[in-house]
Amino acid sequence: MPVDPRLDISQFDYVLPPELIAQVPAVTRNASRLLHVNALGQRSDLQFNLLPSLLNAGDLLVFNNTKVIKARLLGHKSTGGKVEVLIERVTGPHTAWAHIRASKSPKAGMLLLLAEGLVQATVTGRHDALFELSFAEPVFETLEKHGATPLPPYINLQPSAADDARYQTVYAKEPGAVAAPTAGLHFDESSLATLADMGVHTAFVTLHVGAGTFQPVRVQKISEHEMHAERYHVPAETLRKMAATRAAGKRIIAVGTTSVRALESAAHPELSNGHTNADGSVEGDTTLFITPGYTFSWIDALVTNFHLPQSTLLMLVSALSSVENIQHAYAHAINQKYRFFSYGDAMFIEAAREL
């Protein structure tokens, strides 16, 4: 869908005190704060464990069940230079696309010796900014054994065993993400059980979050931005549940912007390199760019974290509420010292409506 050419990057910028960037998760998953922004843009400060008070029986929560892989590997080129490899996408049993940081970009045919030489990968080509790699051993098994959890660039700590668990949702199932769908990090088994007892329904999509999710928009006019691609799959069962929810007059609430992108991409497969499978599921490589002015097909509300300045995710939440509502909400959150980004606090945003 065309992006409004009047949108400017300055509309999605804000100044965040560095001390508000959460470096570690809350003591327990649901111990974070929750900023509620209702359909009129009004704000209220809650705790995340009060999320059930904002939901009704028959509402449908849609979660992204992607699983974060241990995508970071350190090592050196066969010629001796140091390299840092961040897997972006696993493309086959032994192949992947990756970001490679090195003093000099490796050429096709270059052997990389990673994890103190325990992992060997050969550069076989290049796909724009990504390098194509071929591993001697199966990729997923190699990463699980030798890789490190790829914490976001704004977390200044080395990943630990605790991060391996906490930078992963409790319902993670499908391996392939290099960044967590962080809105889901607030849910534990107990909170999911509470919602089920209330009669709140759940469904799942898969969108493998790429490293591009952390990249700011680097153009002044938003319409000139080129969106990064992410692989998604929306099961037929999820589509059936959403249709039934809508028919019953209940709400569809996405857990995370990645769930929004998957659902809206499935609604517009022609715009997201998607296709419908024989079983009724929809999948593809979405480059869907959701900005203010976008008409949502499915989403009535969103559980989300606070997003980076000048990011596509900040634009997405502004599309659901409004630029003005989100600007005010973020200013309020900064004033109230909410914790920001992946390990930070959450928001519950209702789709905007006019007075």
Protein backbone atom coordinates (compact mmCIF):
# COMPACT_ATOMS: atom_id res chain seq x y z
CA MET A 1 0.00 0.00 0.00
CA PRO A 2 1.34 3.47 -0.82
CA VAL A 3 2.90 5.45 2.00
CA ASP A 4 1.65 8.99 2.55
CA PRO A 5 4.35 11.21 0.98
CA ARG A 6 3.73 13.86 3.64
CA LEU A 7 5.09 11.63 6.42
CA ASP A 8 8.44 12.87 7.70
CA ILE A 9 10.99 11.14 9.92
CA SER A 10 10.78 13.98 12.46
CA GLN A 11 7.25 12.85 13.34
CA PHE A 12 8.66 9.59 14.73
CA ASP A 13 11.59 10.86 16.74
CA TYR A 14 12.00 11.38 20.46
CA VAL A 15 14.82 11.80 22.96
CA LEU A 16 15.23 8.90 25.37
CA PRO A 17 17.42 9.17 28.48
CA PRO A 18 19.90 6.26 28.22
CA GLU A 19 19.13 5.09 31.76
CA LEU A 20 15.59 4.13 30.62
CA ILE A 21 16.91 1.49 28.20
CA ALA A 22 16.35 -1.77 30.07
CA GLN A 23 19.53 -3.85 30.26
CA VAL A 24 18.02 -6.82 32.09
CA PRO A 25 14.49 -8.24 32.23
CA ALA A 26 12.08 -7.73 35.10
CA VAL A 27 12.44 -10.11 38.05
CA THR A 28 9.53 -12.17 36.71
CA ARG A 29 7.96 -12.08 33.26
CA ASN A 30 4.71 -10.37 34.23
CA ALA A 31 6.28 -7.95 36.74
CA SER A 32 6.66 -5.18 34.18
CA ARG A 33 4.50 -2.07 33.93
CA LEU A 34 1.74 -1.62 31.35
CA LEU A 35 0.73 1.69 29.78
CA HIS A 36 -2.84 1.52 28.51
CA VAL A 37 -3.70 3.84 25.61
CA ASN A 38 -7.41 3.58 24.90
CA ALA A 39 -9.25 4.26 21.65
CA LEU A 40 -9.50 7.97 22.48
CA GLY A 41 -5.80 8.26 23.25
CA GLN A 42 -6.35 8.47 27.00
CA ARG A 43 -3.60 6.92 29.14
CA SER A 44 -3.53 4.93 32.36
CA ASP A 45 -0.61 3.37 34.25
CA LEU A 46 -1.03 -0.29 35.16
CA GLN A 47 1.02 -3.38 35.95
CA PHE A 48 1.24 -6.10 33.31
CA ASN A 49 -0.48 -8.61 35.60
CA LEU A 50 -3.61 -6.45 35.21
CA LEU A 51 -3.80 -7.12 31.46
CA PRO A 52 -6.80 -9.49 31.99
CA SER A 53 -8.81 -6.47 33.20
CA LEU A 54 -8.53 -5.02 29.69
CA LEU A 55 -9.78 -8.20 27.97
CA ASN A 56 -13.16 -9.88 27.61
CA ALA A 57 -14.32 -13.45 27.15
CA GLY A 58 -14.31 -14.26 23.47
CA ASP A 59 -11.46 -11.91 22.61
CA LEU A 60 -8.65 -13.49 20.60
CA LEU A 61 -4.97 -12.98 21.40
CA VAL A 62 -2.64 -13.76 18.48
CA PHE A 63 0.95 -14.65 19.42
CA ASN A 64 4.09 -15.04 17.31
CA ASN A 65 5.58 -18.46 18.11
CA THR A 66 8.93 -17.90 16.42
CA LYS A 67 11.94 -19.16 18.38
CA VAL A 68 15.14 -17.13 18.72
CA ILE A 69 18.18 -19.03 17.50
CA LYS A 70 21.68 -18.62 18.95
CA ALA A 71 22.62 -16.71 15.85
CA ARG A 72 25.92 -15.04 16.81
CA LEU A 73 29.27 -16.71 16.10
CA LEU A 74 32.78 -15.31 16.58
CA GLY A 75 35.94 -16.46 14.88
CA HIS A 76 38.34 -15.60 12.09
CA LYS A 77 38.87 -15.98 8.38
CA SER A 78 41.23 -18.67 7.17
CA THR A 79 43.59 -15.80 6.35
CA GLY A 80 43.58 -14.72 9.99
CA GLY A 81 41.31 -11.65 10.21
CA LYS A 82 38.66 -11.60 12.95
CA VAL A 83 35.00 -11.97 11.99
CA GLU A 84 31.66 -11.72 13.74
CA VAL A 85 28.81 -13.61 12.10
CA LEU A 86 25.13 -12.92 12.78
CA ILE A 87 22.84 -15.37 11.03
CA GLU A 88 19.88 -13.53 9.49
CA ARG A 89 18.04 -16.45 7.91
CA VAL A 90 18.54 -20.20 7.72
CA THR A 91 17.87 -21.12 4.09
CA GLY A 92 18.51 -24.87 4.14
CA PRO A 93 19.88 -27.70 6.30
CA HIS A 94 23.46 -26.49 5.79
CA THR A 95 22.99 -22.97 4.42
CA ALA A 96 22.18 -19.50 5.73
CA TRP A 97 22.34 -15.80 5.00
CA ALA A 98 24.32 -13.76 7.48
CA HIS A 99 25.63 -10.35 8.39
CA ILE A 100 29.42 -10.47 8.66
CA ARG A 101 31.49 -7.87 10.47
CA ALA A 102 35.16 -7.89 9.50
CA SER A 103 37.95 -5.44 8.70
CA LYS A 104 37.60 -6.54 5.08
CA SER A 105 34.54 -8.23 3.59
CA PRO A 106 35.18 -11.90 2.79
CA LYS A 107 34.97 -13.02 -0.83
CA ALA A 108 33.20 -16.05 -2.25
CA GLY A 109 35.19 -19.19 -1.44
CA MET A 110 36.58 -17.83 1.82
CA LEU A 111 36.58 -20.31 4.71
CA LEU A 112 35.48 -19.01 8.12
CA LEU A 113 36.69 -20.74 11.28
CA LEU A 114 34.19 -19.98 14.04
CA ALA A 115 33.70 -20.93 17.69
CA GLU A 116 37.42 -21.52 18.23
CA GLY A 117 37.61 -23.56 15.05
CA LEU A 118 34.80 -25.96 15.99
CA VAL A 119 32.55 -24.55 13.26
CA GLN A 120 33.51 -24.21 9.61
CA ALA A 121 31.51 -22.16 7.13
CA THR A 122 32.33 -21.20 3.57
CA VAL A 123 31.22 -17.95 1.94
CA THR A 124 29.43 -18.97 -1.26
CA GLY A 125 28.06 -15.63 -2.44
CA ARG A 126 26.38 -12.41 -1.50
CA HIS A 127 22.76 -11.22 -1.40
CA ASP A 128 22.83 -7.42 -1.08
CA ALA A 129 24.13 -6.76 2.47
CA LEU A 130 23.95 -10.44 3.43
CA PHE A 131 26.54 -13.14 2.82
CA GLU A 132 25.56 -16.65 1.75
CA LEU A 133 27.20 -19.30 3.91
CA SER A 134 27.51 -23.06 3.66
CA PHE A 135 28.16 -24.90 6.93
CA ALA A 136 29.95 -28.22 7.28
CA GLU A 137 27.35 -29.36 9.85
CA PRO A 138 23.56 -28.75 10.08
CA VAL A 139 22.96 -25.08 10.80
CA PHE A 140 20.37 -25.28 13.58
CA GLU A 141 22.32 -27.91 15.50
CA THR A 142 25.55 -25.95 15.04
CA LEU A 143 24.03 -22.73 16.36
CA GLU A 144 22.38 -24.38 19.33
CA LYS A 145 25.69 -25.96 20.33
CA HIS A 146 28.16 -23.19 19.52
CA GLY A 147 26.24 -19.94 18.99
CA ALA A 148 25.33 -17.14 21.39
CA THR A 149 21.95 -15.50 21.93
CA PRO A 150 21.93 -12.32 19.81
CA LEU A 151 20.91 -9.66 22.31
CA PRO A 152 19.93 -6.32 20.74
CA PRO A 153 22.67 -3.74 20.09
CA TYR A 154 21.38 -1.41 22.82
CA ILE A 155 21.92 -4.03 25.56
CA ASN A 156 25.49 -3.53 26.75
CA LEU A 157 25.91 -6.88 28.49
CA GLN A 158 27.24 -10.16 27.22
CA PRO A 159 24.49 -12.81 26.93
CA SER A 160 24.27 -15.32 29.76
CA ALA A 161 22.44 -18.56 30.34
CA ALA A 162 19.67 -16.48 31.92
CA ASP A 163 19.27 -14.57 28.64
CA ASP A 164 18.96 -17.85 26.75
CA ALA A 165 15.72 -18.40 28.67
CA ARG A 166 14.40 -14.87 29.20
CA TYR A 167 15.04 -13.62 25.65
CA GLN A 168 12.59 -16.28 24.48
CA THR A 169 8.83 -16.54 24.86
CA VAL A 170 7.44 -19.45 26.87
CA TYR A 171 5.50 -20.57 23.78
CA ALA A 172 8.40 -20.34 21.28
CA LYS A 173 8.18 -23.23 18.86
CA GLU A 174 9.46 -22.50 15.34
CA PRO A 175 13.23 -21.74 15.21
CA GLY A 176 14.39 -18.98 12.90
CA ALA A 177 14.30 -15.53 14.58
CA VAL A 178 17.40 -13.51 15.41
CA ALA A 179 15.43 -11.14 17.63
CA ALA A 180 12.66 -11.95 20.08
CA PRO A 181 9.02 -10.93 19.55
CA THR A 182 9.42 -8.97 22.75
CA ALA A 183 5.79 -8.24 23.62
CA GLY A 184 5.43 -11.95 24.27
CA LEU A 185 8.24 -11.96 26.84
CA HIS A 186 5.79 -10.62 29.47
CA PHE A 187 3.59 -13.74 29.37
CA ASP A 188 4.28 -16.75 31.59
CA GLU A 189 2.40 -20.04 31.85
CA SER A 190 0.33 -18.73 34.76
CA SER A 191 -0.87 -15.63 32.90
CA LEU A 192 -1.77 -17.73 29.86
CA ALA A 193 -3.76 -20.07 32.07
CA THR A 194 -5.58 -17.12 33.67
CA LEU A 195 -6.59 -15.82 30.25
CA ALA A 196 -7.82 -19.25 29.18
CA ASP A 197 -9.93 -19.54 32.34
CA MET A 198 -11.48 -16.15 31.46
CA GLY A 199 -12.55 -17.44 28.06
CA VAL A 200 -9.95 -15.41 26.15
CA HIS A 201 -8.93 -17.42 23.09
CA THR A 202 -5.42 -17.74 21.63
CA ALA A 203 -3.98 -18.36 18.19
CA PHE A 204 -0.50 -18.35 16.69
CA VAL A 205 1.38 -17.06 13.69
CA THR A 206 5.06 -17.36 12.83
CA LEU A 207 7.18 -14.44 11.72
CA HIS A 208 10.93 -14.89 11.96
CA VAL A 209 12.18 -11.54 13.23
CA GLY A 210 15.29 -10.30 11.44
CA ALA A 211 18.05 -7.95 12.52
CA GLY A 212 16.47 -5.29 10.33
CA THR A 213 13.92 -4.72 13.07
CA PHE A 214 16.56 -2.65 14.92
CA GLN A 215 17.47 -0.46 11.94
CA PRO A 216 16.26 3.16 11.97
CA VAL A 217 14.71 4.69 8.88
CA ARG A 218 17.50 6.69 7.24
CA VAL A 219 15.50 8.83 4.84
CA GLN A 220 13.71 12.10 5.57
CA LYS A 221 10.58 11.18 3.63
CA ILE A 222 9.11 7.92 4.93
CA SER A 223 7.76 7.01 1.49
CA GLU A 224 11.36 6.56 0.28
CA HIS A 225 12.18 3.86 2.85
CA GLU A 226 12.82 0.31 1.61
CA MET A 227 11.38 -2.20 4.07
CA HIS A 228 13.38 -5.30 5.08
CA ALA A 229 11.83 -8.72 4.37
CA GLU A 230 10.80 -11.25 7.02
CA ARG A 231 9.44 -14.77 6.56
CA TYR A 232 5.90 -15.36 7.86
CA HIS A 233 3.31 -18.12 8.09
CA VAL A 234 -0.31 -17.78 9.20
CA PRO A 235 -2.02 -21.14 9.77
CA ALA A 236 -5.50 -21.79 8.42
CA GLU A 237 -6.68 -22.45 11.98
CA THR A 238 -5.64 -18.93 13.00
CA LEU A 239 -7.52 -17.45 10.05
CA ARG A 240 -10.63 -19.45 11.04
CA LYS A 241 -10.38 -18.27 14.65
CA MET A 242 -10.08 -14.66 13.56
CA ALA A 243 -13.10 -14.91 11.28
CA ALA A 244 -15.14 -16.51 14.09
CA THR A 245 -14.01 -13.81 16.54
CA ARG A 246 -14.99 -11.04 14.18
CA ALA A 247 -18.36 -12.71 13.45
CA ALA A 248 -19.05 -12.89 17.20
CA GLY A 249 -18.36 -9.17 17.59
CA LYS A 250 -15.28 -9.73 19.72
CA ARG A 251 -11.79 -8.23 19.41
CA ILE A 252 -8.62 -9.49 17.79
CA ILE A 253 -5.57 -8.42 19.81
CA ALA A 254 -2.11 -8.91 18.37
CA VAL A 255 0.69 -9.66 20.78
CA GLY A 256 3.58 -7.76 19.24
CA THR A 257 4.12 -5.80 16.06
CA THR A 258 5.45 -8.95 14.40
CA SER A 259 2.06 -10.62 14.85
CA VAL A 260 0.47 -7.53 13.28
CA ARG A 261 2.78 -7.74 10.27
CA ALA A 262 2.05 -11.42 9.79
CA LEU A 263 -1.74 -11.02 10.03
CA GLU A 264 -1.89 -7.96 7.82
CA SER A 265 0.45 -9.60 5.30
CA ALA A 266 -1.87 -12.61 5.15
CA ALA A 267 -4.75 -10.22 4.48
CA HIS A 268 -2.81 -8.75 1.54
CA PRO A 269 -0.63 -11.58 0.16
CA GLU A 270 -0.35 -9.77 -3.16
CA LEU A 271 1.50 -6.99 -1.34
CA SER A 272 3.71 -9.23 0.77
CA ASN A 273 5.13 -11.82 -1.65
CA GLY A 274 2.69 -14.27 -0.08
CA HIS A 275 0.60 -17.16 -1.30
CA THR A 276 -2.18 -19.36 0.01
CA ASN A 277 -1.32 -23.02 0.48
CA ALA A 278 -3.57 -25.99 -0.22
CA ASP A 279 -4.44 -26.24 3.49
CA GLY A 280 -5.60 -22.61 3.57
CA SER A 281 -2.57 -21.22 5.38
CA VAL A 282 -0.77 -18.15 4.02
CA GLU A 283 2.99 -17.63 3.92
CA GLY A 284 5.62 -15.54 2.23
CA ASP A 285 8.41 -12.99 2.62
CA THR A 286 6.73 -9.82 3.75
CA THR A 287 8.00 -6.32 3.13
CA LEU A 288 4.69 -4.79 4.23
CA PHE A 289 5.32 -1.28 5.58
CA ILE A 290 2.56 -0.10 7.94
CA THR A 291 2.48 3.65 8.47
CA PRO A 292 -0.18 6.19 9.53
CA GLY A 293 -3.03 6.12 7.05
CA TYR A 294 -2.95 2.33 6.74
CA THR A 295 -6.33 0.56 7.03
CA PHE A 296 -6.05 -2.51 9.28
CA SER A 297 -7.87 -5.62 8.15
CA TRP A 298 -7.83 -7.54 11.43
CA ILE A 299 -6.35 -5.73 14.40
CA ASP A 300 -8.47 -4.11 17.12
CA ALA A 301 -5.75 -3.72 19.77
CA LEU A 302 -2.09 -4.45 20.34
CA VAL A 303 0.18 -5.53 23.18
CA THR A 304 3.63 -4.14 22.45
CA ASN A 305 6.84 -2.83 23.98
CA PHE A 306 8.27 0.67 23.50
CA HIS A 307 10.12 1.04 20.21
CA LEU A 308 13.25 2.78 18.97
CA PRO A 309 13.09 6.36 17.69
CA GLN A 310 12.73 6.66 13.89
CA SER A 311 11.87 2.96 13.61
CA THR A 312 9.31 1.27 11.38
CA LEU A 313 7.74 -0.27 14.50
CA LEU A 314 7.08 3.16 15.99
CA MET A 315 5.37 4.04 12.70
CA LEU A 316 3.24 0.89 12.92
CA VAL A 317 1.91 1.67 16.40
CA SER A 318 1.28 5.25 15.29
CA ALA A 319 -0.84 3.85 12.46
CA LEU A 320 -2.99 1.92 14.94
CA SER A 321 -3.50 4.82 17.35
CA SER A 322 -2.29 8.11 15.84
CA VAL A 323 0.97 10.00 15.60
CA GLU A 324 -0.25 12.46 18.21
CA ASN A 325 -1.50 9.79 20.63
CA ILE A 326 1.77 7.87 20.47
CA GLN A 327 3.88 11.02 20.84
CA HIS A 328 1.94 11.88 24.00
CA ALA A 329 2.13 8.30 25.27
CA TYR A 330 5.91 8.12 24.82
CA ALA A 331 6.39 11.50 26.47
CA HIS A 332 4.29 10.27 29.39
CA ALA A 333 6.28 7.03 29.60
CA ILE A 334 9.57 8.92 29.70
CA ASN A 335 8.23 11.26 32.36
CA GLN A 336 7.04 8.29 34.43
CA LYS A 337 10.35 6.46 33.89
CA TYR A 338 9.03 3.39 32.12
CA ARG A 339 11.68 0.93 30.97
CA PHE A 340 12.18 0.88 27.19
CA PHE A 341 12.87 -1.64 24.41
CA SER A 342 13.25 -5.43 24.43
CA TYR A 343 13.58 -6.05 28.18
CA GLY A 344 11.40 -3.08 29.07
CA ASP A 345 7.78 -2.40 29.92
CA ALA A 346 4.70 -2.88 27.76
CA MET A 347 1.79 -0.99 26.23
CA PHE A 348 -1.79 -2.00 25.47
CA ILE A 349 -2.94 0.14 22.54
CA GLU A 350 -6.51 0.17 21.29
CA ALA A 351 -7.20 1.13 17.68
CA ALA A 352 -8.07 4.81 17.57
CA ARG A 353 -11.58 6.11 17.02
CA GLU A 354 -12.87 9.64 16.66
CA LEU A 355 -14.73 11.43 19.44
